[in-house]
PDB file of N, CA and C in Angstrom:
ATOM      1  N   MET A   1      30.153  35.858  -0.645  1.00  0.00           N
ATOM      2  CA  MET A   1      29.076  36.765  -0.374  1.00  0.00           C
ATOM      3  C   MET A   1      28.079  36.701  -1.533  1.00  0.00           C
ATOM      4  N   VAL A   2      26.829  36.790  -1.212  1.00  0.00           N
ATOM      5  CA  VAL A   2      25.776  36.737  -2.210  1.00  0.00           C
ATOM      6  C   VAL A   2      25.647  38.105  -2.857  1.00  0.00           C
ATOM      7  N   GLU A   3      25.748  38.108  -4.188  1.00  0.00           N
ATOM      8  CA  GLU A   3      25.651  39.376  -4.909  1.00  0.00           C
ATOM      9  C   GLU A   3      24.269  39.593  -5.504  1.00  0.00           C
ATOM     10  N   SER A   4      23.542  38.506  -5.740  1.00  0.00           N
ATOM     11  CA  SER A   4      22.215  38.621  -6.350  1.00  0.00           C
ATOM     12  C   SER A   4      21.169  38.266  -5.310  1.00  0.00           C
ATOM     13  N   GLY A   5      19.986  38.778  -5.493  1.00  0.00           N
ATOM     14  CA  GLY A   5      18.909  38.518  -4.546  1.00  0.00           C
ATOM     15  C   GLY A   5      17.879  37.560  -5.109  1.00  0.00           C
ATOM     16  N   TYR A   6      16.769  37.468  -4.400  1.00  0.00           N
ATOM     17  CA  TYR A   6      15.684  36.566  -4.764  1.00  0.00           C
ATOM     18  C   TYR A   6      15.089  36.923  -6.118  1.00  0.00           C
ATOM     19  N   ALA A   7      14.929  38.181  -6.387  1.00  0.00           N
ATOM     20  CA  ALA A   7      14.337  38.613  -7.654  1.00  0.00           C
ATOM     21  C   ALA A   7      15.217  38.209  -8.830  1.00  0.00           C
ATOM     22  N   ASP A   8      16.530  38.275  -8.671  1.00  0.00           N
ATOM     23  CA  ASP A   8      17.429  37.851  -9.747  1.00  0.00           C
ATOM     24  C   ASP A   8      17.358  36.342  -9.963  1.00  0.00           C
ATOM     25  N   ALA A   9      17.186  35.588  -8.887  1.00  0.00           N
ATOM     26  CA  ALA A   9      17.109  34.129  -9.008  1.00  0.00           C
ATOM     27  C   ALA A   9      15.823  33.683  -9.690  1.00  0.00           C
ATOM     28  N   ARG A  10      14.781  34.488  -9.629  1.00  0.00           N
ATOM     29  CA  ARG A  10      13.507  34.144 -10.262  1.00  0.00           C
ATOM     30  C   ARG A  10      13.320  34.816 -11.612  1.00  0.00           C
ATOM     31  N   SER A  11      14.294  35.525 -12.065  1.00  0.00           N
ATOM     32  CA  SER A  11      14.163  36.214 -13.347  1.00  0.00           C
ATOM     33  C   SER A  11      14.240  35.211 -14.490  1.00  0.00           C
ATOM     34  N   LEU A  12      13.651  35.565 -15.603  1.00  0.00           N
ATOM     35  CA  LEU A  12      13.618  34.683 -16.764  1.00  0.00           C
ATOM     36  C   LEU A  12      15.016  34.431 -17.314  1.00  0.00           C
ATOM     37  N   GLY A  13      15.888  35.407 -17.192  1.00  0.00           N
ATOM     38  CA  GLY A  13      17.257  35.232 -17.668  1.00  0.00           C
ATOM     39  C   GLY A  13      18.001  34.140 -16.915  1.00  0.00           C
ATOM     40  N   TYR A  14      17.771  34.024 -15.606  1.00  0.00           N
ATOM     41  CA  TYR A  14      18.441  32.977 -14.825  1.00  0.00           C
ATOM     42  C   TYR A  14      17.795  31.620 -15.071  1.00  0.00           C
ATOM     43  N   LEU A  15      16.472  31.593 -15.115  1.00  0.00           N
ATOM     44  CA  LEU A  15      15.779  30.316 -15.274  1.00  0.00           C
ATOM     45  C   LEU A  15      16.071  29.667 -16.618  1.00  0.00           C
ATOM     46  N   GLN A  16      16.357  30.452 -17.646  1.00  0.00           N
ATOM     47  CA  GLN A  16      16.684  29.894 -18.952  1.00  0.00           C
ATOM     48  C   GLN A  16      18.184  29.893 -19.210  1.00  0.00           C
ATOM     49  N   GLY A  17      18.959  30.193 -18.198  1.00  0.00           N
ATOM     50  CA  GLY A  17      20.409  30.232 -18.360  1.00  0.00           C
ATOM     51  C   GLY A  17      21.013  28.842 -18.424  1.00  0.00           C
ATOM     52  N   ASP A  18      22.268  28.782 -18.837  1.00  0.00           N
ATOM     53  CA  ASP A  18      22.952  27.499 -19.013  1.00  0.00           C
ATOM     54  C   ASP A  18      23.116  26.749 -17.693  1.00  0.00           C
ATOM     55  N   THR A  19      23.383  27.457 -16.615  1.00  0.00           N
ATOM     56  CA  THR A  19      23.596  26.793 -15.324  1.00  0.00           C
ATOM     57  C   THR A  19      22.325  26.111 -14.842  1.00  0.00           C
ATOM     58  N   ASN A  20      21.215  26.783 -14.929  1.00  0.00           N
ATOM     59  CA  ASN A  20      19.961  26.201 -14.464  1.00  0.00           C
ATOM     60  C   ASN A  20      19.535  25.026 -15.348  1.00  0.00           C
ATOM     61  N   VAL A  21      19.721  25.142 -16.641  1.00  0.00           N
ATOM     62  CA  VAL A  21      19.378  24.042 -17.552  1.00  0.00           C
ATOM     63  C   VAL A  21      20.250  22.826 -17.251  1.00  0.00           C
ATOM     64  N   PHE A  22      21.527  23.048 -16.970  1.00  0.00           N
ATOM     65  CA  PHE A  22      22.437  21.950 -16.630  1.00  0.00           C
ATOM     66  C   PHE A  22      21.999  21.272 -15.328  1.00  0.00           C
ATOM     67  N   LEU A  23      21.603  22.052 -14.335  1.00  0.00           N
ATOM     68  CA  LEU A  23      21.150  21.477 -13.069  1.00  0.00           C
ATOM     69  C   LEU A  23      19.851  20.689 -13.242  1.00  0.00           C
ATOM     70  N   GLU A  24      18.986  21.149 -14.123  1.00  0.00           N
ATOM     71  CA  GLU A  24      17.763  20.398 -14.390  1.00  0.00           C
ATOM     72  C   GLU A  24      18.073  19.056 -15.046  1.00  0.00           C
ATOM     73  N   TRP A  25      19.055  19.016 -15.939  1.00  0.00           N
ATOM     74  CA  TRP A  25      19.441  17.761 -16.572  1.00  0.00           C
ATOM     75  C   TRP A  25      20.128  16.826 -15.583  1.00  0.00           C
ATOM     76  N   LEU A  26      20.788  17.375 -14.568  1.00  0.00           N
ATOM     77  CA  LEU A  26      21.402  16.520 -13.553  1.00  0.00           C
ATOM     78  C   LEU A  26      20.353  15.792 -12.714  1.00  0.00           C
ATOM     79  N   ARG A  27      19.153  16.311 -12.668  1.00  0.00           N
ATOM     80  CA  ARG A  27      18.070  15.659 -11.929  1.00  0.00           C
ATOM     81  C   ARG A  27      17.555  14.413 -12.634  1.00  0.00           C
ATOM     82  N   LEU A  28      17.772  14.299 -13.917  1.00  0.00           N
ATOM     83  CA  LEU A  28      17.171  13.232 -14.716  1.00  0.00           C
ATOM     84  C   LEU A  28      17.495  11.826 -14.209  1.00  0.00           C
ATOM     85  N   PRO A  29      18.749  11.468 -13.891  1.00  0.00           N
ATOM     86  CA  PRO A  29      18.993  10.099 -13.408  1.00  0.00           C
ATOM     87  C   PRO A  29      18.219   9.773 -12.128  1.00  0.00           C
ATOM     88  N   GLY A  30      18.165  10.701 -11.198  1.00  0.00           N
ATOM     89  CA  GLY A  30      17.404  10.451  -9.971  1.00  0.00           C
ATOM     90  C   GLY A  30      15.919  10.310 -10.229  1.00  0.00           C
ATOM     91  N   ASP A  31      15.400  11.105 -11.133  1.00  0.00           N
ATOM     92  CA  ASP A  31      13.985  10.991 -11.484  1.00  0.00           C
ATOM     93  C   ASP A  31      13.686   9.648 -12.142  1.00  0.00           C
ATOM     94  N   MET A  32      14.596   9.166 -12.961  1.00  0.00           N
ATOM     95  CA  MET A  32      14.387   7.869 -13.619  1.00  0.00           C
ATOM     96  C   MET A  32      14.409   6.732 -12.601  1.00  0.00           C
ATOM     97  N   VAL A  33      15.304   6.812 -11.615  1.00  0.00           N
ATOM     98  CA  VAL A  33      15.330   5.791 -10.561  1.00  0.00           C
ATOM     99  C   VAL A  33      14.003   5.799  -9.804  1.00  0.00           C
ATOM    100  N   PHE A  34      13.494   6.973  -9.507  1.00  0.00           N
ATOM    101  CA  PHE A  34      12.208   7.080  -8.813  1.00  0.00           C
ATOM    102  C   PHE A  34      11.080   6.494  -9.657  1.00  0.00           C
ATOM    103  N   LEU A  35      11.063   6.797 -10.945  1.00  0.00           N
ATOM    104  CA  LEU A  35      10.006   6.280 -11.811  1.00  0.00           C
ATOM    105  C   LEU A  35      10.075   4.769 -11.946  1.00  0.00           C
ATOM    106  N   VAL A  36      11.258   4.257 -12.252  1.00  0.00           N
ATOM    107  CA  VAL A  36      11.402   2.821 -12.502  1.00  0.00           C
ATOM    108  C   VAL A  36      11.247   2.023 -11.212  1.00  0.00           C
ATOM    109  N   GLY A  37      11.777   2.532 -10.113  1.00  0.00           N
ATOM    110  CA  GLY A  37      11.755   1.777  -8.866  1.00  0.00           C
ATOM    111  C   GLY A  37      10.518   1.979  -8.022  1.00  0.00           C
ATOM    112  N   GLY A  38       9.763   3.026  -8.251  1.00  0.00           N
ATOM    113  CA  GLY A  38       8.630   3.301  -7.383  1.00  0.00           C
ATOM    114  C   GLY A  38       7.304   3.427  -8.087  1.00  0.00           C
ATOM    115  N   VAL A  39       7.242   4.264  -9.082  1.00  0.00           N
ATOM    116  CA  VAL A  39       5.956   4.569  -9.714  1.00  0.00           C
ATOM    117  C   VAL A  39       5.512   3.438 -10.635  1.00  0.00           C
ATOM    118  N   LEU A  40       6.400   2.931 -11.460  1.00  0.00           N
ATOM    119  CA  LEU A  40       6.001   1.879 -12.402  1.00  0.00           C
ATOM    120  C   LEU A  40       5.562   0.593 -11.696  1.00  0.00           C
ATOM    121  N   PRO A  41       6.262   0.109 -10.654  1.00  0.00           N
ATOM    122  CA  PRO A  41       5.738  -1.075  -9.949  1.00  0.00           C
ATOM    123  C   PRO A  41       4.377  -0.828  -9.298  1.00  0.00           C
ATOM    124  N   LEU A  42       4.167   0.366  -8.779  1.00  0.00           N
ATOM    125  CA  LEU A  42       2.873   0.685  -8.184  1.00  0.00           C
ATOM    126  C   LEU A  42       1.768   0.677  -9.240  1.00  0.00           C
ATOM    127  N   LEU A  43       2.023   1.263 -10.392  1.00  0.00           N
ATOM    128  CA  LEU A  43       1.032   1.246 -11.469  1.00  0.00           C
ATOM    129  C   LEU A  43       0.785  -0.168 -11.975  1.00  0.00           C
ATOM    130  N   TRP A  44       1.829  -0.988 -12.035  1.00  0.00           N
ATOM    131  CA  TRP A  44       1.690  -2.376 -12.485  1.00  0.00           C
ATOM    132  C   TRP A  44       0.807  -3.159 -11.509  1.00  0.00           C
ATOM    133  N   GLN A  45       1.016  -2.994 -10.212  1.00  0.00           N
ATOM    134  CA  GLN A  45       0.192  -3.686  -9.229  1.00  0.00           C
ATOM    135  C   GLN A  45      -1.261  -3.217  -9.298  1.00  0.00           C
ATOM    136  N   CYS A  46      -1.474  -1.949  -9.510  1.00  0.00           N
ATOM    137  CA  CYS A  46      -2.841  -1.437  -9.668  1.00  0.00           C
ATOM    138  C   CYS A  46      -3.499  -2.042 -10.904  1.00  0.00           C
ATOM    139  N   TRP A  47      -2.755  -2.124 -11.998  1.00  0.00           N
ATOM    140  CA  TRP A  47      -3.292  -2.711 -13.227  1.00  0.00           C
ATOM    141  C   TRP A  47      -3.654  -4.178 -13.009  1.00  0.00           C
ATOM    142  N   LEU A  48      -2.790  -4.934 -12.326  1.00  0.00           N
ATOM    143  CA  LEU A  48      -3.095  -6.339 -12.064  1.00  0.00           C
ATOM    144  C   LEU A  48      -4.321  -6.474 -11.162  1.00  0.00           C
ATOM    145  N   GLY A  49      -4.453  -5.588 -10.191  1.00  0.00           N
ATOM    146  CA  GLY A  49      -5.609  -5.640  -9.303  1.00  0.00           C
ATOM    147  C   GLY A  49      -6.911  -5.365 -10.031  1.00  0.00           C
ATOM    148  N   VAL A  50      -6.888  -4.436 -10.956  1.00  0.00           N
ATOM    149  CA  VAL A  50      -8.097  -4.117 -11.716  1.00  0.00           C
ATOM    150  C   VAL A  50      -8.388  -5.211 -12.734  1.00  0.00           C
ATOM    151  N   ARG A  51      -7.352  -5.736 -13.355  1.00  0.00           N
ATOM    152  CA  ARG A  51      -7.545  -6.742 -14.400  1.00  0.00           C
ATOM    153  C   ARG A  51      -8.044  -8.069 -13.835  1.00  0.00           C
ATOM    154  N   HIS A  52      -7.574  -8.449 -12.658  1.00  0.00           N
ATOM    155  CA  HIS A  52      -7.946  -9.746 -12.075  1.00  0.00           C
ATOM    156  C   HIS A  52      -8.955  -9.593 -10.944  1.00  0.00           C
ATOM    157  N   ARG A  53      -9.773  -8.560 -11.028  1.00  0.00           N
ATOM    158  CA  ARG A  53     -10.764  -8.328  -9.981  1.00  0.00           C
ATOM    159  C   ARG A  53     -11.855  -9.376 -10.080  1.00  0.00           C
ATOM    160  N   ARG A  54     -12.272  -9.872  -8.942  1.00  0.00           N
ATOM    161  CA  ARG A  54     -13.376 -10.822  -8.906  1.00  0.00           C
ATOM    162  C   ARG A  54     -14.219 -10.518  -7.682  1.00  0.00           C
ATOM    163  N   GLY A  55     -15.483 -10.737  -7.824  1.00  0.00           N
ATOM    164  CA  GLY A  55     -16.389 -10.438  -6.726  1.00  0.00           C
ATOM    165  C   GLY A  55     -16.426 -11.575  -5.720  1.00  0.00           C
ATOM    166  N   LEU A  56     -16.412 -11.259  -4.466  1.00  0.00           N
ATOM    167  CA  LEU A  56     -16.519 -12.263  -3.419  1.00  0.00           C
ATOM    168  C   LEU A  56     -17.865 -12.098  -2.719  1.00  0.00           C
ATOM    169  N   THR A  57     -18.918 -12.286  -3.487  1.00  0.00           N
ATOM    170  CA  THR A  57     -20.250 -12.162  -2.910  1.00  0.00           C
ATOM    171  C   THR A  57     -20.778 -13.546  -2.590  1.00  0.00           C
ATOM    172  N   ARG A  58     -21.664 -13.596  -1.645  1.00  0.00           N
ATOM    173  CA  ARG A  58     -22.252 -14.875  -1.257  1.00  0.00           C
ATOM    174  C   ARG A  58     -23.552 -15.105  -2.022  1.00  0.00           C
ATOM    175  N   ARG A  59     -23.742 -16.340  -2.382  1.00  0.00           N
ATOM    176  CA  ARG A  59     -25.021 -16.727  -2.962  1.00  0.00           C
ATOM    177  C   ARG A  59     -25.924 -17.199  -1.829  1.00  0.00           C
ATOM    178  N   PRO A  60     -27.224 -17.115  -2.007  1.00  0.00           N
ATOM    179  CA  PRO A  60     -28.130 -17.535  -0.914  1.00  0.00           C
ATOM    180  C   PRO A  60     -27.946 -18.994  -0.516  1.00  0.00           C
ATOM    181  N   GLU A  61     -27.539 -19.855  -1.445  1.00  0.00           N
ATOM    182  CA  GLU A  61     -27.404 -21.279  -1.107  1.00  0.00           C
ATOM    183  C   GLU A  61     -26.065 -21.613  -0.452  1.00  0.00           C
ATOM    184  N   ASP A  62     -25.134 -20.667  -0.411  1.00  0.00           N
ATOM    185  CA  ASP A  62     -23.845 -20.924   0.233  1.00  0.00           C
ATOM    186  C   ASP A  62     -24.013 -20.998   1.745  1.00  0.00           C
ATOM    187  N   ALA A  63     -23.140 -21.782   2.352  1.00  0.00           N
ATOM    188  CA  ALA A  63     -23.158 -21.875   3.813  1.00  0.00           C
ATOM    189  C   ALA A  63     -22.711 -20.546   4.409  1.00  0.00           C
ATOM    190  N   GLU A  64     -23.205 -20.256   5.579  1.00  0.00           N
ATOM    191  CA  GLU A  64     -22.827 -19.011   6.257  1.00  0.00           C
ATOM    192  C   GLU A  64     -21.372 -19.132   6.702  1.00  0.00           C
ATOM    193  N   GLN A  65     -20.584 -18.226   6.268  1.00  0.00           N
ATOM    194  CA  GLN A  65     -19.173 -18.234   6.649  1.00  0.00           C
ATOM    195  C   GLN A  65     -18.677 -16.801   6.711  1.00  0.00           C
ATOM    196  N   ASN A  66     -17.638 -16.624   7.447  1.00  0.00           N
ATOM    197  CA  ASN A  66     -17.050 -15.302   7.572  1.00  0.00           C
ATOM    198  C   ASN A  66     -15.892 -15.226   6.589  1.00  0.00           C
ATOM    199  N   LEU A  67     -15.976 -14.327   5.606  1.00  0.00           N
ATOM    200  CA  LEU A  67     -14.967 -14.267   4.564  1.00  0.00           C
ATOM    201  C   LEU A  67     -13.699 -13.561   5.011  1.00  0.00           C
ATOM    202  N   LEU A  68     -13.761 -12.740   6.040  1.00  0.00           N
ATOM    203  CA  LEU A  68     -12.593 -11.957   6.419  1.00  0.00           C
ATOM    204  C   LEU A  68     -11.632 -12.706   7.324  1.00  0.00           C
ATOM    205  N   PHE A  69     -12.133 -13.465   8.276  1.00  0.00           N
ATOM    206  CA  PHE A  69     -11.242 -14.150   9.191  1.00  0.00           C
ATOM    207  C   PHE A  69     -11.959 -15.353   9.780  1.00  0.00           C
ATOM    208  N   THR A  70     -11.189 -16.230  10.404  1.00  0.00           N
ATOM    209  CA  THR A  70     -11.723 -17.385  11.103  1.00  0.00           C
ATOM    210  C   THR A  70     -11.349 -17.241  12.564  1.00  0.00           C
ATOM    211  N   GLU A  71     -12.324 -17.286  13.425  1.00  0.00           N
ATOM    212  CA  GLU A  71     -12.050 -17.138  14.847  1.00  0.00           C
ATOM    213  C   GLU A  71     -11.555 -18.469  15.395  1.00  0.00           C
ATOM    214  N   VAL A  72     -10.408 -18.414  16.023  1.00  0.00           N
ATOM    215  CA  VAL A  72      -9.807 -19.609  16.603  1.00  0.00           C
ATOM    216  C   VAL A  72      -9.725 -19.392  18.101  1.00  0.00           C
ATOM    217  N   GLY A  73     -10.201 -20.349  18.858  1.00  0.00           N
ATOM    218  CA  GLY A  73     -10.171 -20.225  20.311  1.00  0.00           C
ATOM    219  C   GLY A  73      -9.732 -21.532  20.941  1.00  0.00           C
ATOM    220  N   PRO A  74      -9.604 -21.538  22.247  1.00  0.00           N
ATOM    221  CA  PRO A  74      -9.196 -22.777  22.920  1.00  0.00           C
ATOM    222  C   PRO A  74     -10.305 -23.822  22.824  1.00  0.00           C
ATOM    223  N   ASP A  75      -9.888 -25.088  22.879  1.00  0.00           N
ATOM    224  CA  ASP A  75     -10.864 -26.173  22.857  1.00  0.00           C
ATOM    225  C   ASP A  75     -11.676 -26.134  24.146  1.00  0.00           C
ATOM    226  N   PRO A  76     -12.953 -26.430  24.058  1.00  0.00           N
ATOM    227  CA  PRO A  76     -13.754 -26.436  25.289  1.00  0.00           C
ATOM    228  C   PRO A  76     -13.302 -27.566  26.216  1.00  0.00           C
ATOM    229  N   VAL A  77     -13.292 -27.277  27.501  1.00  0.00           N
ATOM    230  CA  VAL A  77     -12.889 -28.274  28.498  1.00  0.00           C
ATOM    231  C   VAL A  77     -14.078 -29.190  28.746  1.00  0.00           C
ATOM    232  N   PRO A  78     -13.866 -30.518  28.588  1.00  0.00           N
ATOM    233  CA  PRO A  78     -14.998 -31.425  28.826  1.00  0.00           C
ATOM    234  C   PRO A  78     -15.348 -31.446  30.321  1.00  0.00           C
ATOM    235  N   GLU A  79     -16.625 -31.508  30.595  1.00  0.00           N
ATOM    236  CA  GLU A  79     -17.062 -31.567  31.990  1.00  0.00           C
ATOM    237  C   GLU A  79     -16.876 -32.987  32.516  1.00  0.00           C
ATOM    238  N   PRO A  80     -16.447 -33.096  33.770  1.00  0.00           N
ATOM    239  CA  PRO A  80     -16.279 -34.452  34.335  1.00  0.00           C
ATOM    240  C   PRO A  80     -17.641 -35.133  34.461  1.00  0.00           C
ATOM    241  N   PRO A  81     -17.635 -36.455  34.407  1.00  0.00           N
ATOM    242  CA  PRO A  81     -18.927 -37.154  34.529  1.00  0.00           C
ATOM    243  C   PRO A  81     -19.542 -36.900  35.909  1.00  0.00           C
ATOM    244  N   ALA A  82     -20.838 -36.772  35.924  1.00  0.00           N
ATOM    245  CA  ALA A  82     -21.543 -36.515  37.189  1.00  0.00           C
ATOM    246  C   ALA A  82     -21.525 -37.776  38.047  1.00  0.00           C
ATOM    247  N   ALA A  83     -21.252 -37.593  39.328  1.00  0.00           N
ATOM    248  CA  ALA A  83     -21.249 -38.739  40.256  1.00  0.00           C
ATOM    249  C   ALA A  83     -22.691 -39.162  40.506  1.00  0.00           C
ATOM    250  N   GLU A  84     -22.908 -40.455  40.464  1.00  0.00           N
ATOM    251  CA  GLU A  84     -24.262 -40.958  40.691  1.00  0.00           C
ATOM    252  C   GLU A  84     -24.548 -40.968  42.190  1.00  0.00           C
ATOM    253  N   ALA A  85     -25.699 -40.540  42.503  1.00  0.00           N
ATOM    254  CA  ALA A  85     -26.090 -40.541  43.921  1.00  0.00           C
ATOM    255  C   ALA A  85     -26.376 -41.978  44.350  1.00  0.00           C
ATOM    256  N   VAL A  86     -25.739 -42.376  45.435  1.00  0.00           N
ATOM    257  CA  VAL A  86     -25.922 -43.741  45.950  1.00  0.00           C
ATOM    258  C   VAL A  86     -26.881 -43.668  47.140  1.00  0.00           C
ATOM    259  N   ALA A  87     -27.921 -44.458  47.090  1.00  0.00           N
ATOM    260  CA  ALA A  87     -28.884 -44.458  48.196  1.00  0.00           C
ATOM    261  C   ALA A  87     -28.339 -45.323  49.333  1.00  0.00           C
ATOM    262  N   PRO A  88     -28.406 -44.851  50.573  1.00  0.00           N
ATOM    263  CA  PRO A  88     -27.889 -45.659  51.700  1.00  0.00           C
ATOM    264  C   PRO A  88     -28.796 -46.778  52.095  1.00  0.00           C
TER     265      PRO A  88
END
């Protein structure tokens, strides 16, 4: 049965108590896994993206090209040769 209420759980005496401090320290290994496995690689990729940034602008003398994608379609079907009209 619960003997203490919400106000007791939020009191300064509980928050600075030994049990709460111990539970906060138990969080540390999980937080380190999150930092090392998730946040640091994300920051590293952002740093590489900013450091190796280059502009992909076109110069006026460059040929017209689409930088985002290349449209690929079926080959055009050649038309059969026209039959020559034969005079009777």
